[in-house]
Amino acid sequence: MNEKNVTLSNRLLYYLIAPGLLLYFVMIDAGFLTPSFLPLTMFGAIIILCVAIHLLYKKKNVEYKFDVNKLYANAMALLVIWELSYNFYK
């Protein structure tokens, strides 16, 4: 496993899977989708796989660092807080 594959795995996790999971929860809250165990299982398996790849590579190469765009990280944090507060007050 090389750095290129680990970076691709991290990008998939941060820029595709995380927004997809957030969109899935928003669609459920909006009433467009019904909750199902299969999509959550698929998201969970992909997240566990990507995190495991990152941790195993990081264990071998301590100097490896994956930086996320700060604006993107702040936007995702705000969206997650919005989703959680919506569910809390619903």
N, C-alpha and C. Protein backbone atom coordinates (compact mmCIF):
# COMPACT_ATOMS: atom_id res chain seq x y z
N MET A 1 0.85 -1.17 0.00
CA MET A 1 0.00 0.00 0.00
C MET A 1 0.90 1.24 0.00
N ASN A 2 0.64 2.11 -0.96
CA ASN A 2 1.46 3.30 -1.04
C ASN A 2 0.66 4.54 -0.64
N GLU A 3 1.36 5.65 -0.57
CA GLU A 3 0.75 6.90 -0.10
C GLU A 3 -0.37 7.38 -1.03
N LYS A 4 -0.23 7.12 -2.31
CA LYS A 4 -1.25 7.54 -3.28
C LYS A 4 -2.59 6.85 -2.99
N ASN A 5 -2.56 5.55 -2.72
CA ASN A 5 -3.79 4.82 -2.43
C ASN A 5 -4.41 5.25 -1.10
N VAL A 6 -3.59 5.52 -0.11
CA VAL A 6 -4.10 5.95 1.19
C VAL A 6 -4.73 7.34 1.07
N THR A 7 -4.09 8.21 0.31
CA THR A 7 -4.66 9.55 0.10
C THR A 7 -5.98 9.45 -0.66
N LEU A 8 -6.07 8.57 -1.64
CA LEU A 8 -7.32 8.35 -2.36
C LEU A 8 -8.40 7.84 -1.42
N SER A 9 -8.05 6.92 -0.54
CA SER A 9 -9.00 6.40 0.44
C SER A 9 -9.49 7.51 1.37
N ASN A 10 -8.59 8.35 1.82
CA ASN A 10 -8.98 9.47 2.68
C ASN A 10 -9.86 10.47 1.95
N ARG A 11 -9.55 10.75 0.70
CA ARG A 11 -10.38 11.67 -0.08
C ARG A 11 -11.78 11.10 -0.28
N LEU A 12 -11.86 9.82 -0.57
CA LEU A 12 -13.18 9.19 -0.70
C LEU A 12 -13.97 9.31 0.59
N LEU A 13 -13.31 9.10 1.70
CA LEU A 13 -13.99 9.16 2.99
C LEU A 13 -14.47 10.57 3.30
N TYR A 14 -13.62 11.55 3.11
CA TYR A 14 -13.95 12.93 3.50
C TYR A 14 -14.84 13.64 2.50
N TYR A 15 -14.61 13.40 1.21
CA TYR A 15 -15.30 14.20 0.19
C TYR A 15 -16.44 13.47 -0.50
N LEU A 16 -16.64 12.18 -0.25
CA LEU A 16 -17.73 11.44 -0.89
C LEU A 16 -18.61 10.73 0.13
N ILE A 17 -18.01 9.95 1.00
CA ILE A 17 -18.79 9.14 1.94
C ILE A 17 -19.43 10.01 3.02
N ALA A 18 -18.68 10.91 3.64
CA ALA A 18 -19.23 11.75 4.71
C ALA A 18 -20.38 12.63 4.21
N PRO A 19 -20.25 13.33 3.08
CA PRO A 19 -21.40 14.10 2.59
C PRO A 19 -22.56 13.21 2.17
N GLY A 20 -22.24 12.03 1.64
CA GLY A 20 -23.30 11.10 1.25
C GLY A 20 -24.11 10.63 2.44
N LEU A 21 -23.43 10.33 3.53
CA LEU A 21 -24.12 9.91 4.75
C LEU A 21 -24.95 11.05 5.32
N LEU A 22 -24.41 12.24 5.30
CA LEU A 22 -25.16 13.41 5.77
C LEU A 22 -26.38 13.66 4.89
N LEU A 23 -26.22 13.55 3.58
CA LEU A 23 -27.35 13.71 2.67
C LEU A 23 -28.40 12.63 2.90
N TYR A 24 -27.97 11.42 3.18
CA TYR A 24 -28.90 10.32 3.48
C TYR A 24 -29.76 10.67 4.70
N PHE A 25 -29.15 11.18 5.76
CA PHE A 25 -29.91 11.55 6.95
C PHE A 25 -30.84 12.74 6.69
N VAL A 26 -30.39 13.70 5.90
CA VAL A 26 -31.25 14.85 5.56
C VAL A 26 -32.45 14.38 4.75
N MET A 27 -32.23 13.47 3.81
CA MET A 27 -33.33 12.95 3.00
C MET A 27 -34.33 12.17 3.85
N ILE A 28 -33.85 11.46 4.86
CA ILE A 28 -34.75 10.76 5.77
C ILE A 28 -35.57 11.77 6.57
N ASP A 29 -34.91 12.81 7.07
CA ASP A 29 -35.62 13.83 7.84
C ASP A 29 -36.64 14.58 7.00
N ALA A 30 -36.34 14.78 5.72
CA ALA A 30 -37.26 15.50 4.83
C ALA A 30 -38.42 14.62 4.39
N GLY A 31 -38.32 13.32 4.62
CA GLY A 31 -39.40 12.41 4.27
C GLY A 31 -39.29 11.83 2.87
N PHE A 32 -38.18 12.06 2.19
CA PHE A 32 -38.00 11.52 0.85
C PHE A 32 -37.58 10.05 0.86
N LEU A 33 -36.91 9.63 1.91
CA LEU A 33 -36.46 8.24 2.06
C LEU A 33 -36.97 7.68 3.38
N THR A 34 -37.06 6.36 3.42
CA THR A 34 -37.38 5.71 4.69
C THR A 34 -36.10 5.09 5.23
N PRO A 35 -35.94 5.09 6.54
CA PRO A 35 -34.72 4.50 7.11
C PRO A 35 -34.61 3.02 6.78
N SER A 36 -33.42 2.60 6.43
CA SER A 36 -33.18 1.21 6.09
C SER A 36 -31.84 0.78 6.67
N PHE A 37 -31.74 -0.48 7.02
CA PHE A 37 -30.52 -1.00 7.63
C PHE A 37 -29.41 -1.19 6.60
N LEU A 38 -29.76 -1.54 5.38
CA LEU A 38 -28.75 -1.83 4.36
C LEU A 38 -27.86 -0.62 4.02
N PRO A 39 -28.42 0.56 3.74
CA PRO A 39 -27.52 1.70 3.46
C PRO A 39 -26.62 2.05 4.65
N LEU A 40 -27.16 1.98 5.86
CA LEU A 40 -26.33 2.28 7.03
C LEU A 40 -25.21 1.26 7.18
N THR A 41 -25.50 0.00 6.88
CA THR A 41 -24.48 -1.04 6.94
C THR A 41 -23.40 -0.79 5.89
N MET A 42 -23.82 -0.40 4.69
CA MET A 42 -22.84 -0.12 3.63
C MET A 42 -21.97 1.08 3.99
N PHE A 43 -22.59 2.16 4.47
CA PHE A 43 -21.81 3.33 4.89
C PHE A 43 -20.86 2.95 6.02
N GLY A 44 -21.34 2.19 6.99
CA GLY A 44 -20.51 1.78 8.12
C GLY A 44 -19.32 0.94 7.69
N ALA A 45 -19.55 -0.01 6.78
CA ALA A 45 -18.46 -0.87 6.31
C ALA A 45 -17.41 -0.06 5.55
N ILE A 46 -17.85 0.87 4.72
CA ILE A 46 -16.91 1.70 3.95
C ILE A 46 -16.11 2.60 4.89
N ILE A 47 -16.77 3.17 5.88
CA ILE A 47 -16.08 4.04 6.84
C ILE A 47 -15.05 3.24 7.63
N ILE A 48 -15.42 2.07 8.11
CA ILE A 48 -14.49 1.23 8.87
C ILE A 48 -13.30 0.84 8.00
N LEU A 49 -13.54 0.48 6.75
CA LEU A 49 -12.46 0.09 5.84
C LEU A 49 -11.50 1.26 5.59
N CYS A 50 -12.04 2.43 5.29
CA CYS A 50 -11.18 3.60 5.02
C CYS A 50 -10.38 4.02 6.25
N VAL A 51 -11.00 4.00 7.40
CA VAL A 51 -10.29 4.37 8.63
C VAL A 51 -9.22 3.33 8.95
N ALA A 52 -9.52 2.05 8.73
CA ALA A 52 -8.52 1.01 8.99
C ALA A 52 -7.32 1.16 8.06
N ILE A 53 -7.57 1.46 6.79
CA ILE A 53 -6.47 1.68 5.84
C ILE A 53 -5.60 2.84 6.30
N HIS A 54 -6.24 3.93 6.70
CA HIS A 54 -5.50 5.11 7.17
C HIS A 54 -4.67 4.77 8.41
N LEU A 55 -5.28 4.10 9.39
CA LEU A 55 -4.56 3.80 10.63
C LEU A 55 -3.40 2.84 10.41
N LEU A 56 -3.59 1.83 9.57
CA LEU A 56 -2.51 0.88 9.30
C LEU A 56 -1.34 1.57 8.59
N TYR A 57 -1.64 2.43 7.64
CA TYR A 57 -0.57 3.14 6.95
C TYR A 57 0.11 4.14 7.87
N LYS A 58 -0.68 4.82 8.69
CA LYS A 58 -0.12 5.81 9.62
C LYS A 58 0.78 5.13 10.65
N LYS A 59 0.46 3.90 11.01
CA LYS A 59 1.28 3.16 11.98
C LYS A 59 2.67 2.87 11.40
N LYS A 60 2.73 2.59 10.10
CA LYS A 60 4.01 2.31 9.46
C LYS A 60 4.77 3.58 9.08
N ASN A 61 4.04 4.61 8.69
CA ASN A 61 4.66 5.87 8.25
C ASN A 61 4.12 7.00 9.11
N VAL A 62 4.81 7.28 10.17
CA VAL A 62 4.34 8.25 11.16
C VAL A 62 4.28 9.66 10.59
N GLU A 63 5.13 9.98 9.63
CA GLU A 63 5.17 11.34 9.10
C GLU A 63 4.04 11.64 8.12
N TYR A 64 3.24 10.64 7.73
CA TYR A 64 2.14 10.87 6.78
C TYR A 64 1.06 11.73 7.43
N LYS A 65 0.59 12.73 6.67
CA LYS A 65 -0.46 13.61 7.16
C LYS A 65 -1.41 13.93 6.02
N PHE A 66 -2.70 13.80 6.28
CA PHE A 66 -3.72 14.13 5.28
C PHE A 66 -4.42 15.39 5.75
N ASP A 67 -4.32 16.44 4.96
CA ASP A 67 -4.94 17.72 5.33
C ASP A 67 -6.24 17.91 4.57
N VAL A 68 -7.26 18.28 5.31
CA VAL A 68 -8.57 18.58 4.73
C VAL A 68 -8.68 20.09 4.59
N ASN A 69 -9.31 20.53 3.53
CA ASN A 69 -9.56 21.95 3.32
C ASN A 69 -10.32 22.49 4.52
N LYS A 70 -9.81 23.56 5.12
CA LYS A 70 -10.41 24.11 6.35
C LYS A 70 -11.83 24.61 6.12
N LEU A 71 -12.07 25.24 4.97
CA LEU A 71 -13.42 25.73 4.67
C LEU A 71 -14.40 24.57 4.56
N TYR A 72 -13.96 23.48 3.91
CA TYR A 72 -14.80 22.29 3.79
C TYR A 72 -15.06 21.68 5.16
N ALA A 73 -14.04 21.59 5.98
CA ALA A 73 -14.21 21.02 7.32
C ALA A 73 -15.18 21.84 8.15
N ASN A 74 -15.08 23.16 8.08
CA ASN A 74 -16.01 24.01 8.83
C ASN A 74 -17.43 23.89 8.30
N ALA A 75 -17.59 23.83 6.98
CA ALA A 75 -18.92 23.68 6.40
C ALA A 75 -19.56 22.36 6.80
N MET A 76 -18.78 21.28 6.77
CA MET A 76 -19.32 19.98 7.17
C MET A 76 -19.67 19.97 8.65
N ALA A 77 -18.85 20.60 9.47
CA ALA A 77 -19.15 20.66 10.91
C ALA A 77 -20.45 21.41 11.15
N LEU A 78 -20.66 22.52 10.45
CA LEU A 78 -21.91 23.27 10.60
C LEU A 78 -23.11 22.46 10.13
N LEU A 79 -22.96 21.73 9.02
CA LEU A 79 -24.06 20.91 8.53
C LEU A 79 -24.40 19.78 9.50
N VAL A 80 -23.38 19.17 10.09
CA VAL A 80 -23.63 18.10 11.06
C VAL A 80 -24.31 18.66 12.30
N ILE A 81 -23.87 19.81 12.77
CA ILE A 81 -24.52 20.43 13.94
C ILE A 81 -25.96 20.80 13.61
N TRP A 82 -26.20 21.32 12.41
CA TRP A 82 -27.56 21.65 11.98
C TRP A 82 -28.44 20.40 11.96
N GLU A 83 -27.92 19.31 11.41
CA GLU A 83 -28.69 18.06 11.34
C GLU A 83 -28.98 17.53 12.74
N LEU A 84 -28.00 17.55 13.62
CA LEU A 84 -28.21 17.06 14.98
C LEU A 84 -29.20 17.93 15.74
N SER A 85 -29.10 19.23 15.60
CA SER A 85 -30.04 20.11 16.31
C SER A 85 -31.44 19.98 15.73
N TYR A 86 -31.56 19.77 14.44
CA TYR A 86 -32.88 19.56 13.83
C TYR A 86 -33.53 18.31 14.42
N ASN A 87 -32.76 17.23 14.54
CA ASN A 87 -33.30 15.99 15.10
C ASN A 87 -33.60 16.14 16.59
N PHE A 88 -32.82 16.95 17.28
CA PHE A 88 -33.04 17.13 18.71
C PHE A 88 -34.33 17.88 18.98
N TYR A 89 -34.62 18.90 18.18
CA TYR A 89 -35.80 19.72 18.41
C TYR A 89 -37.03 19.26 17.63
N LYS A 90 -36.90 18.24 16.83
CA LYS A 90 -38.00 17.74 16.01
C LYS A 90 -39.07 17.08 16.83
